[in-house]
Amino acid sequence: MVKTPGIGSEAEEAEGLDHVLKELFRVIKSRKKFSPQTSYTAALFKSGPSKILAKVTEESGEVVEAARGGESGESHT
């Protein structure tokens, strides 16, 4: 079967993104059970929603900056 460029690619991308988000959810959920002394994620959960939302806001800003092609001053390689 010959694949036509552009046909189904959005669905394939959505499926790949779905997999990534499910894996991220799984990892975050598992880290919630860790000790706050050894897991930054567990410490965020212990700190409450305000700290979690602040971290989500920070990371979201970095994603937007990266999408624009800019530098946020941090290296994530």
N, C-alpha and C. Protein backbone atom coordinates (compact mmCIF):
# COMPACT_ATOMS: atom_id res chain seq x y z
N MET A 1 0.84 -1.18 0.00
CA MET A 1 0.00 0.00 0.00
C MET A 1 0.89 1.24 0.00
N VAL A 2 0.60 2.18 -0.86
CA VAL A 2 1.35 3.42 -0.97
C VAL A 2 0.70 4.46 -0.07
N LYS A 3 1.51 5.09 0.76
CA LYS A 3 1.00 6.11 1.66
C LYS A 3 1.02 7.46 0.97
N THR A 4 -0.09 8.14 0.99
CA THR A 4 -0.20 9.47 0.40
C THR A 4 0.23 10.50 1.43
N PRO A 5 1.23 11.34 1.10
CA PRO A 5 1.67 12.35 2.05
C PRO A 5 0.50 13.23 2.50
N GLY A 6 0.45 13.50 3.78
CA GLY A 6 -0.58 14.37 4.32
C GLY A 6 -1.85 13.63 4.74
N ILE A 7 -2.07 12.44 4.20
CA ILE A 7 -3.26 11.68 4.55
C ILE A 7 -2.97 10.90 5.82
N GLY A 8 -3.74 11.16 6.84
CA GLY A 8 -3.58 10.44 8.10
C GLY A 8 -2.47 10.96 8.99
N SER A 9 -1.68 11.90 8.51
CA SER A 9 -0.55 12.35 9.33
C SER A 9 -1.01 13.06 10.60
N GLU A 10 -2.08 13.82 10.54
CA GLU A 10 -2.57 14.49 11.75
C GLU A 10 -3.05 13.47 12.77
N ALA A 11 -3.72 12.44 12.29
CA ALA A 11 -4.19 11.39 13.19
C ALA A 11 -3.01 10.66 13.82
N GLU A 12 -1.97 10.41 13.04
CA GLU A 12 -0.77 9.75 13.57
C GLU A 12 -0.07 10.63 14.60
N GLU A 13 -0.01 11.94 14.31
CA GLU A 13 0.60 12.85 15.27
C GLU A 13 -0.20 12.89 16.56
N ALA A 14 -1.51 12.93 16.44
CA ALA A 14 -2.38 12.95 17.62
C ALA A 14 -2.20 11.67 18.43
N GLU A 15 -2.07 10.54 17.76
CA GLU A 15 -1.86 9.27 18.45
C GLU A 15 -0.53 9.28 19.19
N GLY A 16 0.50 9.81 18.55
CA GLY A 16 1.81 9.90 19.20
C GLY A 16 1.78 10.83 20.39
N LEU A 17 1.10 11.95 20.26
CA LEU A 17 0.98 12.91 21.36
C LEU A 17 0.19 12.29 22.50
N ASP A 18 -0.86 11.55 22.16
CA ASP A 18 -1.66 10.86 23.17
C ASP A 18 -0.78 9.91 23.98
N HIS A 19 0.09 9.19 23.31
CA HIS A 19 0.99 8.26 23.99
C HIS A 19 1.93 9.02 24.93
N VAL A 20 2.48 10.12 24.48
CA VAL A 20 3.40 10.91 25.29
C VAL A 20 2.69 11.44 26.54
N LEU A 21 1.50 11.98 26.36
CA LEU A 21 0.76 12.53 27.50
C LEU A 21 0.36 11.44 28.49
N LYS A 22 -0.02 10.26 28.00
CA LYS A 22 -0.36 9.16 28.89
C LYS A 22 0.87 8.71 29.68
N GLU A 23 2.01 8.66 29.04
CA GLU A 23 3.25 8.27 29.73
C GLU A 23 3.64 9.33 30.76
N LEU A 24 3.52 10.60 30.41
CA LEU A 24 3.81 11.67 31.36
C LEU A 24 2.89 11.57 32.58
N PHE A 25 1.61 11.34 32.34
CA PHE A 25 0.65 11.19 33.44
C PHE A 25 1.05 10.01 34.33
N ARG A 26 1.44 8.90 33.71
CA ARG A 26 1.83 7.72 34.47
C ARG A 26 3.04 8.02 35.37
N VAL A 27 4.02 8.70 34.81
CA VAL A 27 5.24 9.01 35.59
C VAL A 27 4.91 9.96 36.74
N ILE A 28 4.15 11.00 36.46
CA ILE A 28 3.80 11.96 37.52
C ILE A 28 3.00 11.27 38.62
N LYS A 29 2.05 10.44 38.23
CA LYS A 29 1.24 9.72 39.21
C LYS A 29 2.11 8.81 40.09
N SER A 30 3.08 8.14 39.48
CA SER A 30 3.95 7.25 40.25
C SER A 30 4.86 8.04 41.20
N ARG A 31 5.32 9.20 40.77
CA ARG A 31 6.21 10.01 41.61
C ARG A 31 5.49 10.60 42.81
N LYS A 32 4.18 10.75 42.70
CA LYS A 32 3.38 11.29 43.81
C LYS A 32 3.55 10.42 45.06
N LYS A 33 3.83 9.14 44.87
CA LYS A 33 3.96 8.19 45.98
C LYS A 33 5.36 8.22 46.62
N PHE A 34 6.31 8.89 45.97
CA PHE A 34 7.68 8.93 46.48
C PHE A 34 7.79 9.86 47.69
N SER A 35 8.92 9.80 48.34
CA SER A 35 9.20 10.69 49.46
C SER A 35 9.47 12.10 48.93
N PRO A 36 8.89 13.12 49.56
CA PRO A 36 9.18 14.50 49.15
C PRO A 36 10.65 14.88 49.30
N GLN A 37 11.38 14.14 50.15
CA GLN A 37 12.81 14.41 50.31
C GLN A 37 13.63 13.92 49.13
N THR A 38 13.10 12.96 48.38
CA THR A 38 13.85 12.40 47.25
C THR A 38 13.22 12.68 45.89
N SER A 39 12.02 13.23 45.87
CA SER A 39 11.33 13.49 44.60
C SER A 39 10.79 14.91 44.56
N TYR A 40 11.27 15.67 43.58
CA TYR A 40 10.78 17.04 43.41
C TYR A 40 9.28 17.04 43.14
N THR A 41 8.81 16.07 42.34
CA THR A 41 7.39 15.98 42.03
C THR A 41 6.57 15.71 43.28
N ALA A 42 7.02 14.79 44.12
CA ALA A 42 6.32 14.51 45.37
C ALA A 42 6.31 15.74 46.28
N ALA A 43 7.41 16.48 46.29
CA ALA A 43 7.47 17.70 47.08
C ALA A 43 6.46 18.73 46.58
N LEU A 44 6.30 18.83 45.27
CA LEU A 44 5.29 19.74 44.72
C LEU A 44 3.89 19.33 45.17
N PHE A 45 3.59 18.05 45.09
CA PHE A 45 2.28 17.57 45.53
C PHE A 45 2.05 17.89 47.01
N LYS A 46 3.07 17.71 47.83
CA LYS A 46 2.96 17.99 49.26
C LYS A 46 2.74 19.49 49.49
N SER A 47 3.33 20.33 48.64
CA SER A 47 3.22 21.79 48.79
C SER A 47 1.84 22.31 48.43
N GLY A 48 1.11 21.56 47.63
CA GLY A 48 -0.26 21.96 47.30
C GLY A 48 -0.42 22.53 45.91
N PRO A 49 -1.68 22.79 45.55
CA PRO A 49 -2.02 23.23 44.19
C PRO A 49 -1.32 24.51 43.72
N SER A 50 -1.14 25.46 44.62
CA SER A 50 -0.50 26.73 44.20
C SER A 50 0.91 26.50 43.67
N LYS A 51 1.69 25.66 44.35
CA LYS A 51 3.06 25.37 43.90
C LYS A 51 3.05 24.57 42.59
N ILE A 52 2.12 23.63 42.50
CA ILE A 52 2.01 22.84 41.27
C ILE A 52 1.66 23.75 40.10
N LEU A 53 0.68 24.63 40.29
CA LEU A 53 0.28 25.54 39.22
C LEU A 53 1.40 26.50 38.83
N ALA A 54 2.17 26.95 39.80
CA ALA A 54 3.31 27.83 39.49
C ALA A 54 4.32 27.10 38.63
N LYS A 55 4.57 25.82 38.93
CA LYS A 55 5.53 25.04 38.14
C LYS A 55 4.99 24.79 36.74
N VAL A 56 3.70 24.48 36.62
CA VAL A 56 3.09 24.27 35.31
C VAL A 56 3.18 25.56 34.48
N THR A 57 2.92 26.69 35.12
CA THR A 57 3.02 27.98 34.43
C THR A 57 4.45 28.23 33.94
N GLU A 58 5.43 27.96 34.79
CA GLU A 58 6.84 28.14 34.42
C GLU A 58 7.20 27.26 33.22
N GLU A 59 6.85 25.98 33.30
CA GLU A 59 7.19 25.06 32.21
C GLU A 59 6.45 25.41 30.93
N SER A 60 5.22 25.84 31.04
CA SER A 60 4.44 26.23 29.86
C SER A 60 5.10 27.41 29.15
N GLY A 61 5.57 28.37 29.93
CA GLY A 61 6.27 29.52 29.35
C GLY A 61 7.52 29.09 28.60
N GLU A 62 8.22 28.10 29.13
CA GLU A 62 9.42 27.60 28.45
C GLU A 62 9.07 26.90 27.15
N VAL A 63 7.96 26.19 27.13
CA VAL A 63 7.52 25.52 25.90
C VAL A 63 7.18 26.56 24.83
N VAL A 64 6.46 27.60 25.23
CA VAL A 64 6.10 28.67 24.29
C VAL A 64 7.36 29.34 23.75
N GLU A 65 8.29 29.64 24.63
CA GLU A 65 9.54 30.29 24.22
C GLU A 65 10.31 29.39 23.24
N ALA A 66 10.37 28.11 23.52
CA ALA A 66 11.06 27.18 22.63
C ALA A 66 10.37 27.10 21.27
N ALA A 67 9.05 27.13 21.29
CA ALA A 67 8.29 27.08 20.03
C ALA A 67 8.55 28.31 19.18
N ARG A 68 8.81 29.42 19.83
CA ARG A 68 9.13 30.66 19.11
C ARG A 68 10.57 30.66 18.61
N GLY A 69 11.35 29.71 19.10
CA GLY A 69 12.75 29.63 18.69
C GLY A 69 13.67 30.47 19.52
N GLY A 70 13.17 30.98 20.63
CA GLY A 70 13.97 31.83 21.51
C GLY A 70 14.69 31.07 22.58
N GLU A 71 15.49 31.77 23.32
CA GLU A 71 16.24 31.20 24.41
C GLU A 71 15.62 31.71 25.71
N SER A 72 15.39 30.82 26.66
CA SER A 72 14.86 31.22 27.96
C SER A 72 15.98 31.42 28.98
N GLY A 73 17.20 31.23 28.53
CA GLY A 73 18.33 31.37 29.43
C GLY A 73 18.75 30.06 30.07
N GLU A 74 17.96 29.01 29.83
CA GLU A 74 18.29 27.70 30.39
C GLU A 74 18.60 26.74 29.27
N SER A 75 19.48 25.82 29.56
CA SER A 75 19.81 24.77 28.60
C SER A 75 19.13 23.49 29.02
N HIS A 76 18.39 22.88 28.12
CA HIS A 76 17.66 21.65 28.42
C HIS A 76 18.12 20.52 27.52
N THR A 77 19.41 20.46 27.26
CA THR A 77 19.90 19.39 26.40
C THR A 77 20.37 18.22 27.18
